[in-house]
PDB file of N, CA and C in Angstrom:
ATOM      1  N   MET A   1      97.982 124.763  89.380  1.00  0.00           N
ATOM      2  CA  MET A   1      96.285 124.102  89.274  1.00  0.00           C
ATOM      3  C   MET A   1      96.124 124.017  90.785  1.00  0.00           C
ATOM      4  N   ALA A   2      95.389 124.141  91.293  1.00  0.00           N
ATOM      5  CA  ALA A   2      94.693 123.901  92.718  1.00  0.00           C
ATOM      6  C   ALA A   2      94.986 122.198  92.871  1.00  0.00           C
ATOM      7  N   LEU A   3      94.411 121.820  94.122  1.00  0.00           N
ATOM      8  CA  LEU A   3      94.163 120.445  94.221  1.00  0.00           C
ATOM      9  C   LEU A   3      92.851 120.337  94.841  1.00  0.00           C
ATOM     10  N   MET A   4      92.503 118.983  94.681  1.00  0.00           N
ATOM     11  CA  MET A   4      90.997 118.924  95.026  1.00  0.00           C
ATOM     12  C   MET A   4      91.125 117.407  95.597  1.00  0.00           C
ATOM     13  N   ILE A   5      90.471 116.987  96.746  1.00  0.00           N
ATOM     14  CA  ILE A   5      90.101 115.421  97.041  1.00  0.00           C
ATOM     15  C   ILE A   5      88.930 115.068  96.264  1.00  0.00           C
ATOM     16  N   THR A   6      89.009 113.221  96.293  1.00  0.00           N
ATOM     17  CA  THR A   6      88.220 112.870  95.459  1.00  0.00           C
ATOM     18  C   THR A   6      87.153 112.189  96.708  1.00  0.00           C
ATOM     19  N   GLU A   7      86.455 111.754  96.157  1.00  0.00           N
ATOM     20  CA  GLU A   7      85.386 110.677  96.946  1.00  0.00           C
ATOM     21  C   GLU A   7      86.162 109.540  97.666  1.00  0.00           C
ATOM     22  N   GLU A   8      87.720 109.220  97.370  1.00  0.00           N
ATOM     23  CA  GLU A   8      88.267 107.796  97.855  1.00  0.00           C
ATOM     24  C   GLU A   8      88.451 108.624  99.376  1.00  0.00           C
ATOM     25  N   CYS A   9      88.536 109.701  99.722  1.00  0.00           N
ATOM     26  CA  CYS A   9      89.142 110.351 101.036  1.00  0.00           C
ATOM     27  C   CYS A   9      88.180 109.560 102.349  1.00  0.00           C
ATOM     28  N   ILE A  10      88.948 109.111 103.293  1.00  0.00           N
ATOM     29  CA  ILE A  10      88.706 108.406 104.798  1.00  0.00           C
ATOM     30  C   ILE A  10      88.196 109.268 105.647  1.00  0.00           C
ATOM     31  N   ASN A  11      88.646 110.394 105.289  1.00  0.00           N
ATOM     32  CA  ASN A  11      88.165 111.688 106.397  1.00  0.00           C
ATOM     33  C   ASN A  11      89.392 111.171 107.988  1.00  0.00           C
ATOM     34  N   CYS A  12      90.552 110.861 107.431  1.00  0.00           N
ATOM     35  CA  CYS A  12      91.475 110.482 108.310  1.00  0.00           C
ATOM     36  C   CYS A  12      92.049 111.545 109.154  1.00  0.00           C
ATOM     37  N   ASP A  13      91.542 112.440 108.821  1.00  0.00           N
ATOM     38  CA  ASP A  13      92.080 114.141 109.255  1.00  0.00           C
ATOM     39  C   ASP A  13      93.957 114.500 109.364  1.00  0.00           C
ATOM     40  N   VAL A  14      94.717 113.626 108.683  1.00  0.00           N
ATOM     41  CA  VAL A  14      96.053 113.782 108.811  1.00  0.00           C
ATOM     42  C   VAL A  14      96.249 115.048 107.631  1.00  0.00           C
ATOM     43  N   CYS A  15      95.631 115.346 106.626  1.00  0.00           N
ATOM     44  CA  CYS A  15      96.154 116.227 105.597  1.00  0.00           C
ATOM     45  C   CYS A  15      95.727 117.688 106.177  1.00  0.00           C
ATOM     46  N   GLU A  16      94.679 117.992 106.852  1.00  0.00           N
ATOM     47  CA  GLU A  16      94.332 119.300 107.373  1.00  0.00           C
ATOM     48  C   GLU A  16      95.684 120.112 108.294  1.00  0.00           C
ATOM     49  N   PRO A  17      96.076 119.750 108.788  1.00  0.00           N
ATOM     50  CA  PRO A  17      97.042 120.428 109.983  1.00  0.00           C
ATOM     51  C   PRO A  17      98.515 120.506 109.041  1.00  0.00           C
ATOM     52  N   GLU A  18      98.494 119.845 108.065  1.00  0.00           N
ATOM     53  CA  GLU A  18      99.750 119.789 106.952  1.00  0.00           C
ATOM     54  C   GLU A  18      99.864 120.979 106.233  1.00  0.00           C
ATOM     55  N   CYS A  19      98.479 121.798 105.752  1.00  0.00           N
ATOM     56  CA  CYS A  19      98.110 122.648 104.889  1.00  0.00           C
ATOM     57  C   CYS A  19      98.840 124.314 105.319  1.00  0.00           C
ATOM     58  N   PRO A  20      99.830 124.697 104.746  1.00  0.00           N
ATOM     59  CA  PRO A  20     100.451 125.979 105.486  1.00  0.00           C
ATOM     60  C   PRO A  20      99.371 127.149 105.103  1.00  0.00           C
ATOM     61  N   ASN A  21      98.547 126.942 104.162  1.00  0.00           N
ATOM     62  CA  ASN A  21      97.279 127.947 103.790  1.00  0.00           C
ATOM     63  C   ASN A  21      95.907 128.101 104.718  1.00  0.00           C
ATOM     64  N   GLY A  22      95.814 127.069 105.187  1.00  0.00           N
ATOM     65  CA  GLY A  22      94.702 126.582 105.752  1.00  0.00           C
ATOM     66  C   GLY A  22      93.337 126.377 104.745  1.00  0.00           C
ATOM     67  N   ALA A  23      93.923 125.897 103.592  1.00  0.00           N
ATOM     68  CA  ALA A  23      92.740 125.505 102.590  1.00  0.00           C
ATOM     69  C   ALA A  23      92.172 124.200 102.836  1.00  0.00           C
ATOM     70  N   LEU A  24      92.406 123.428 103.624  1.00  0.00           N
ATOM     71  CA  LEU A  24      91.720 122.405 103.867  1.00  0.00           C
ATOM     72  C   LEU A  24      90.836 122.436 105.136  1.00  0.00           C
ATOM     73  N   SER A  25      89.925 121.981 104.687  1.00  0.00           N
ATOM     74  CA  SER A  25      88.773 121.537 105.978  1.00  0.00           C
ATOM     75  C   SER A  25      87.706 120.359 105.689  1.00  0.00           C
ATOM     76  N   ALA A  26      86.857 120.099 106.954  1.00  0.00           N
ATOM     77  CA  ALA A  26      86.492 119.015 106.790  1.00  0.00           C
ATOM     78  C   ALA A  26      84.688 119.148 106.251  1.00  0.00           C
ATOM     79  N   SER A  27      84.240 118.312 105.654  1.00  0.00           N
ATOM     80  CA  SER A  27      82.858 118.368 104.893  1.00  0.00           C
ATOM     81  C   SER A  27      82.043 117.502 105.851  1.00  0.00           C
ATOM     82  N   GLU A  28      81.284 117.057 105.318  1.00  0.00           N
ATOM     83  CA  GLU A  28      80.335 115.853 106.359  1.00  0.00           C
ATOM     84  C   GLU A  28      80.938 114.515 105.903  1.00  0.00           C
ATOM     85  N   ASP A  29      81.030 114.315 104.440  1.00  0.00           N
ATOM     86  CA  ASP A  29      82.122 112.992 104.202  1.00  0.00           C
ATOM     87  C   ASP A  29      83.235 112.739 104.059  1.00  0.00           C
ATOM     88  N   ILE A  30      83.901 113.974 103.078  1.00  0.00           N
ATOM     89  CA  ILE A  30      85.444 113.995 102.792  1.00  0.00           C
ATOM     90  C   ILE A  30      85.772 115.325 103.556  1.00  0.00           C
ATOM     91  N   TYR A  31      87.144 115.474 103.329  1.00  0.00           N
ATOM     92  CA  TYR A  31      88.102 116.712 103.404  1.00  0.00           C
ATOM     93  C   TYR A  31      87.531 117.494 102.284  1.00  0.00           C
ATOM     94  N   VAL A  32      87.833 118.882 101.944  1.00  0.00           N
ATOM     95  CA  VAL A  32      87.659 119.922 100.818  1.00  0.00           C
ATOM     96  C   VAL A  32      88.580 120.699 100.520  1.00  0.00           C
ATOM     97  N   ILE A  33      89.300 120.830  99.390  1.00  0.00           N
ATOM     98  CA  ILE A  33      90.027 121.877  99.395  1.00  0.00           C
ATOM     99  C   ILE A  33      89.591 123.435  98.595  1.00  0.00           C
ATOM    100  N   ASP A  34      89.675 124.600  99.236  1.00  0.00           N
ATOM    101  CA  ASP A  34      89.518 125.822  99.103  1.00  0.00           C
ATOM    102  C   ASP A  34      90.721 126.419  98.051  1.00  0.00           C
ATOM    103  N   PRO A  35      90.085 126.112  96.515  1.00  0.00           N
ATOM    104  CA  PRO A  35      91.222 126.709  95.582  1.00  0.00           C
ATOM    105  C   PRO A  35      91.662 127.887  95.964  1.00  0.00           C
ATOM    106  N   ALA A  36      90.927 128.808  96.576  1.00  0.00           N
ATOM    107  CA  ALA A  36      91.676 130.286  96.515  1.00  0.00           C
ATOM    108  C   ALA A  36      92.648 130.354  97.404  1.00  0.00           C
ATOM    109  N   GLN A  37      92.587 129.419  98.060  1.00  0.00           N
ATOM    110  CA  GLN A  37      93.754 129.079  99.349  1.00  0.00           C
ATOM    111  C   GLN A  37      94.858 128.283  99.025  1.00  0.00           C
ATOM    112  N   CYS A  38      94.547 127.567  98.075  1.00  0.00           N
ATOM    113  CA  CYS A  38      95.419 126.102  97.714  1.00  0.00           C
ATOM    114  C   CYS A  38      96.471 126.824  96.856  1.00  0.00           C
ATOM    115  N   THR A  39      98.007 126.761  97.196  1.00  0.00           N
ATOM    116  CA  THR A  39      98.998 127.182  95.817  1.00  0.00           C
ATOM    117  C   THR A  39      99.949 125.659  96.195  1.00  0.00           C
ATOM    118  N   GLU A  40      99.191 124.818  96.197  1.00  0.00           N
ATOM    119  CA  GLU A  40     100.081 123.128  95.985  1.00  0.00           C
ATOM    120  C   GLU A  40     101.305 123.571  96.779  1.00  0.00           C
ATOM    121  N   CYS A  41     101.173 124.313  97.737  1.00  0.00           N
ATOM    122  CA  CYS A  41     102.597 124.480  99.029  1.00  0.00           C
ATOM    123  C   CYS A  41     103.488 125.117  98.277  1.00  0.00           C
ATOM    124  N   VAL A  42     103.392 126.111  97.094  1.00  0.00           N
ATOM    125  CA  VAL A  42     104.514 126.703  96.487  1.00  0.00           C
ATOM    126  C   VAL A  42     104.700 127.839  97.170  1.00  0.00           C
ATOM    127  N   GLY A  43     105.857 128.121  97.283  1.00  0.00           N
ATOM    128  CA  GLY A  43     106.282 129.263  98.506  1.00  0.00           C
ATOM    129  C   GLY A  43     106.484 128.747  99.704  1.00  0.00           C
ATOM    130  N   HIS A  44     105.949 127.192 100.161  1.00  0.00           N
ATOM    131  CA  HIS A  44     106.201 126.961 101.506  1.00  0.00           C
ATOM    132  C   HIS A  44     107.292 125.823 101.365  1.00  0.00           C
ATOM    133  N   PHE A  45     106.858 124.547 100.435  1.00  0.00           N
ATOM    134  CA  PHE A  45     107.323 123.486 100.342  1.00  0.00           C
ATOM    135  C   PHE A  45     107.571 123.064  99.039  1.00  0.00           C
ATOM    136  N   ASP A  46     108.609 122.051  98.413  1.00  0.00           N
ATOM    137  CA  ASP A  46     108.761 121.780  96.983  1.00  0.00           C
ATOM    138  C   ASP A  46     107.703 120.690  96.401  1.00  0.00           C
ATOM    139  N   THR A  47     106.834 120.338  97.231  1.00  0.00           N
ATOM    140  CA  THR A  47     105.722 119.118  97.091  1.00  0.00           C
ATOM    141  C   THR A  47     104.548 119.671  98.104  1.00  0.00           C
ATOM    142  N   PRO A  48     103.345 119.240  97.126  1.00  0.00           N
ATOM    143  CA  PRO A  48     102.275 119.635  98.265  1.00  0.00           C
ATOM    144  C   PRO A  48     102.152 118.535  99.457  1.00  0.00           C
ATOM    145  N   GLN A  49     101.858 119.147 100.965  1.00  0.00           N
ATOM    146  CA  GLN A  49     102.192 118.477 101.931  1.00  0.00           C
ATOM    147  C   GLN A  49     101.030 117.465 101.912  1.00  0.00           C
ATOM    148  N   CYS A  50      99.833 117.623 101.825  1.00  0.00           N
ATOM    149  CA  CYS A  50      98.658 116.979 101.888  1.00  0.00           C
ATOM    150  C   CYS A  50      98.904 116.031 101.115  1.00  0.00           C
ATOM    151  N   ILE A  51      99.130 115.798  99.816  1.00  0.00           N
ATOM    152  CA  ILE A  51      99.703 114.610  98.917  1.00  0.00           C
ATOM    153  C   ILE A  51     100.699 113.576  99.833  1.00  0.00           C
ATOM    154  N   GLU A  52     101.545 114.232 100.141  1.00  0.00           N
ATOM    155  CA  GLU A  52     102.778 113.812 100.869  1.00  0.00           C
ATOM    156  C   GLU A  52     102.135 112.830 102.090  1.00  0.00           C
ATOM    157  N   VAL A  53     100.838 113.346 102.873  1.00  0.00           N
ATOM    158  CA  VAL A  53     100.487 112.436 103.958  1.00  0.00           C
ATOM    159  C   VAL A  53      99.491 111.572 103.689  1.00  0.00           C
ATOM    160  N   CYS A  54      98.876 111.953 102.372  1.00  0.00           N
ATOM    161  CA  CYS A  54      97.771 111.268 102.613  1.00  0.00           C
ATOM    162  C   CYS A  54      97.765 109.766 102.677  1.00  0.00           C
ATOM    163  N   PRO A  55      96.909 108.656 103.183  1.00  0.00           N
ATOM    164  CA  PRO A  55      97.507 107.466 103.353  1.00  0.00           C
ATOM    165  C   PRO A  55      96.367 106.450 101.870  1.00  0.00           C
ATOM    166  N   VAL A  56      95.559 107.233 101.491  1.00  0.00           N
ATOM    167  CA  VAL A  56      94.772 106.811 100.280  1.00  0.00           C
ATOM    168  C   VAL A  56      95.156 107.513  98.881  1.00  0.00           C
ATOM    169  N   GLU A  57      96.030 108.331  98.935  1.00  0.00           N
ATOM    170  CA  GLU A  57      95.949 108.985  97.648  1.00  0.00           C
ATOM    171  C   GLU A  57      94.962 109.592  96.917  1.00  0.00           C
ATOM    172  N   CYS A  58      94.243 110.338  97.759  1.00  0.00           N
ATOM    173  CA  CYS A  58      93.074 110.939  97.335  1.00  0.00           C
ATOM    174  C   CYS A  58      93.147 112.323  96.507  1.00  0.00           C
ATOM    175  N   ILE A  59      94.198 112.627  96.914  1.00  0.00           N
ATOM    176  CA  ILE A  59      94.005 114.255  96.719  1.00  0.00           C
ATOM    177  C   ILE A  59      95.097 114.305  94.899  1.00  0.00           C
ATOM    178  N   VAL A  60      94.225 114.908  94.010  1.00  0.00           N
ATOM    179  CA  VAL A  60      94.924 115.267  92.887  1.00  0.00           C
ATOM    180  C   VAL A  60      94.560 116.643  92.447  1.00  0.00           C
ATOM    181  N   GLN A  61      95.161 116.863  91.060  1.00  0.00           N
ATOM    182  CA  GLN A  61      94.966 118.145  90.338  1.00  0.00           C
ATOM    183  C   GLN A  61      93.381 118.317  90.405  1.00  0.00           C
ATOM    184  N   ASP A  62      93.191 119.452  90.487  1.00  0.00           N
ATOM    185  CA  ASP A  62      91.661 120.303  89.951  1.00  0.00           C
ATOM    186  C   ASP A  62      91.517 120.486  88.606  1.00  0.00           C
ATOM    187  N   PRO A  63      91.062 119.902  87.773  1.00  0.00           N
ATOM    188  CA  PRO A  63      90.778 120.437  86.473  1.00  0.00           C
ATOM    189  C   PRO A  63      90.000 121.653  86.182  1.00  0.00           C
ATOM    190  N   LYS A  64      89.429 122.149  87.305  1.00  0.00           N
ATOM    191  CA  LYS A  64      88.562 123.561  87.074  1.00  0.00           C
ATOM    192  C   LYS A  64      89.397 124.579  87.601  1.00  0.00           C
ATOM    193  N   HIS A  65      90.631 124.151  88.120  1.00  0.00           N
ATOM    194  CA  HIS A  65      91.346 125.250  88.496  1.00  0.00           C
ATOM    195  C   HIS A  65      92.585 125.453  88.148  1.00  0.00           C
ATOM    196  N   VAL A  66      92.850 125.268  87.069  1.00  0.00           N
ATOM    197  CA  VAL A  66      94.189 125.448  86.005  1.00  0.00           C
ATOM    198  C   VAL A  66      95.058 126.660  86.632  1.00  0.00           C
ATOM    199  N   GLU A  67      96.137 126.406  87.054  1.00  0.00           N
ATOM    200  CA  GLU A  67      96.935 127.543  87.266  1.00  0.00           C
ATOM    201  C   GLU A  67      98.399 127.351  86.955  1.00  0.00           C
ATOM    202  N   SER A  68      99.477 128.094  86.426  1.00  0.00           N
ATOM    203  CA  SER A  68     100.828 127.569  86.404  1.00  0.00           C
ATOM    204  C   SER A  68     101.466 127.847  87.360  1.00  0.00           C
ATOM    205  N   LYS A  69     102.837 127.511  87.876  1.00  0.00           N
ATOM    206  CA  LYS A  69     103.592 127.260  89.100  1.00  0.00           C
ATOM    207  C   LYS A  69     103.707 129.253  89.247  1.00  0.00           C
ATOM    208  N   ASP A  70     103.976 130.057  88.506  1.00  0.00           N
ATOM    209  CA  ASP A  70     104.064 131.585  88.640  1.00  0.00           C
ATOM    210  C   ASP A  70     102.838 131.958  89.111  1.00  0.00           C
ATOM    211  N   GLU A  71     101.568 131.454  88.594  1.00  0.00           N
ATOM    212  CA  GLU A  71     100.349 131.955  89.140  1.00  0.00           C
ATOM    213  C   GLU A  71     100.308 131.588  90.697  1.00  0.00           C
ATOM    214  N   LEU A  72     100.778 130.046  90.880  1.00  0.00           N
ATOM    215  CA  LEU A  72     100.424 129.696  92.311  1.00  0.00           C
ATOM    216  C   LEU A  72     101.547 130.637  93.054  1.00  0.00           C
ATOM    217  N   HIS A  73     102.777 130.811  92.804  1.00  0.00           N
ATOM    218  CA  HIS A  73     103.699 131.677  93.587  1.00  0.00           C
ATOM    219  C   HIS A  73     102.871 133.076  93.711  1.00  0.00           C
ATOM    220  N   ALA A  74     102.412 133.698  92.708  1.00  0.00           N
ATOM    221  CA  ALA A  74     101.699 134.978  92.788  1.00  0.00           C
ATOM    222  C   ALA A  74     100.711 134.716  94.000  1.00  0.00           C
ATOM    223  N   LYS A  75      99.724 133.597  93.659  1.00  0.00           N
ATOM    224  CA  LYS A  75      98.790 133.423  94.978  1.00  0.00           C
ATOM    225  C   LYS A  75      99.331 133.429  96.265  1.00  0.00           C
ATOM    226  N   PHE A  76     100.354 132.722  96.472  1.00  0.00           N
ATOM    227  CA  PHE A  76     101.128 132.648  97.565  1.00  0.00           C
ATOM    228  C   PHE A  76     101.366 134.020  98.419  1.00  0.00           C
ATOM    229  N   GLU A  77     102.224 134.728  97.366  1.00  0.00           N
ATOM    230  CA  GLU A  77     102.626 136.357  97.716  1.00  0.00           C
ATOM    231  C   GLU A  77     101.335 137.242  98.191  1.00  0.00           C
ATOM    232  N   LYS A  78      99.852 136.906  97.405  1.00  0.00           N
ATOM    233  CA  LYS A  78      99.125 137.459  97.827  1.00  0.00           C
ATOM    234  C   LYS A  78      98.349 137.129  99.365  1.00  0.00           C
ATOM    235  N   LEU A  79      98.605 135.818  99.228  1.00  0.00           N
ATOM    236  CA  LEU A  79      97.900 135.377 100.521  1.00  0.00           C
ATOM    237  C   LEU A  79      98.774 135.759 102.019  1.00  0.00           C
ATOM    238  N   LEU A  80     100.425 135.646 101.606  1.00  0.00           N
ATOM    239  CA  LEU A  80     101.476 136.264 102.471  1.00  0.00           C
ATOM    240  C   LEU A  80     100.882 137.604 102.986  1.00  0.00           C
ATOM    241  N   ALA A  81     100.559 138.244 101.913  1.00  0.00           N
ATOM    242  CA  ALA A  81     100.307 139.791 102.484  1.00  0.00           C
ATOM    243  C   ALA A  81      99.217 139.966 102.862  1.00  0.00           C
ATOM    244  N   VAL A  82      98.157 139.598 102.785  1.00  0.00           N
ATOM    245  CA  VAL A  82      96.701 139.434 103.379  1.00  0.00           C
ATOM    246  C   VAL A  82      97.089 138.998 104.977  1.00  0.00           C
ATOM    247  N   ASN A  83      97.630 137.982 104.810  1.00  0.00           N
ATOM    248  CA  ASN A  83      97.995 137.279 106.505  1.00  0.00           C
ATOM    249  C   ASN A  83      98.980 138.272 107.238  1.00  0.00           C
ATOM    250  N   ALA A  84      99.403 139.236 106.770  1.00  0.00           N
ATOM    251  CA  ALA A  84     100.783 139.866 107.718  1.00  0.00           C
ATOM    252  C   ALA A  84     100.010 140.996 108.630  1.00  0.00           C
TER     253      ALA A  84
END
């Protein structure tokens, strides 16, 4: 499953540099996660780094983008190939 950021986001800027896939970006009020780029850090880390650093715990599973660990790993490999 890709992740999403809820409205509780305080726009503190700590999550964006932690994303190894560049899936996070600032919008007007909160940060957003591009589900096409989010692998929940599968292939990079054991846990999603944005969740690890978020001070308000506003990053959750996105029910609109359900993916298994295998699907997330396949997405990681595809993104790795595109960026090579």
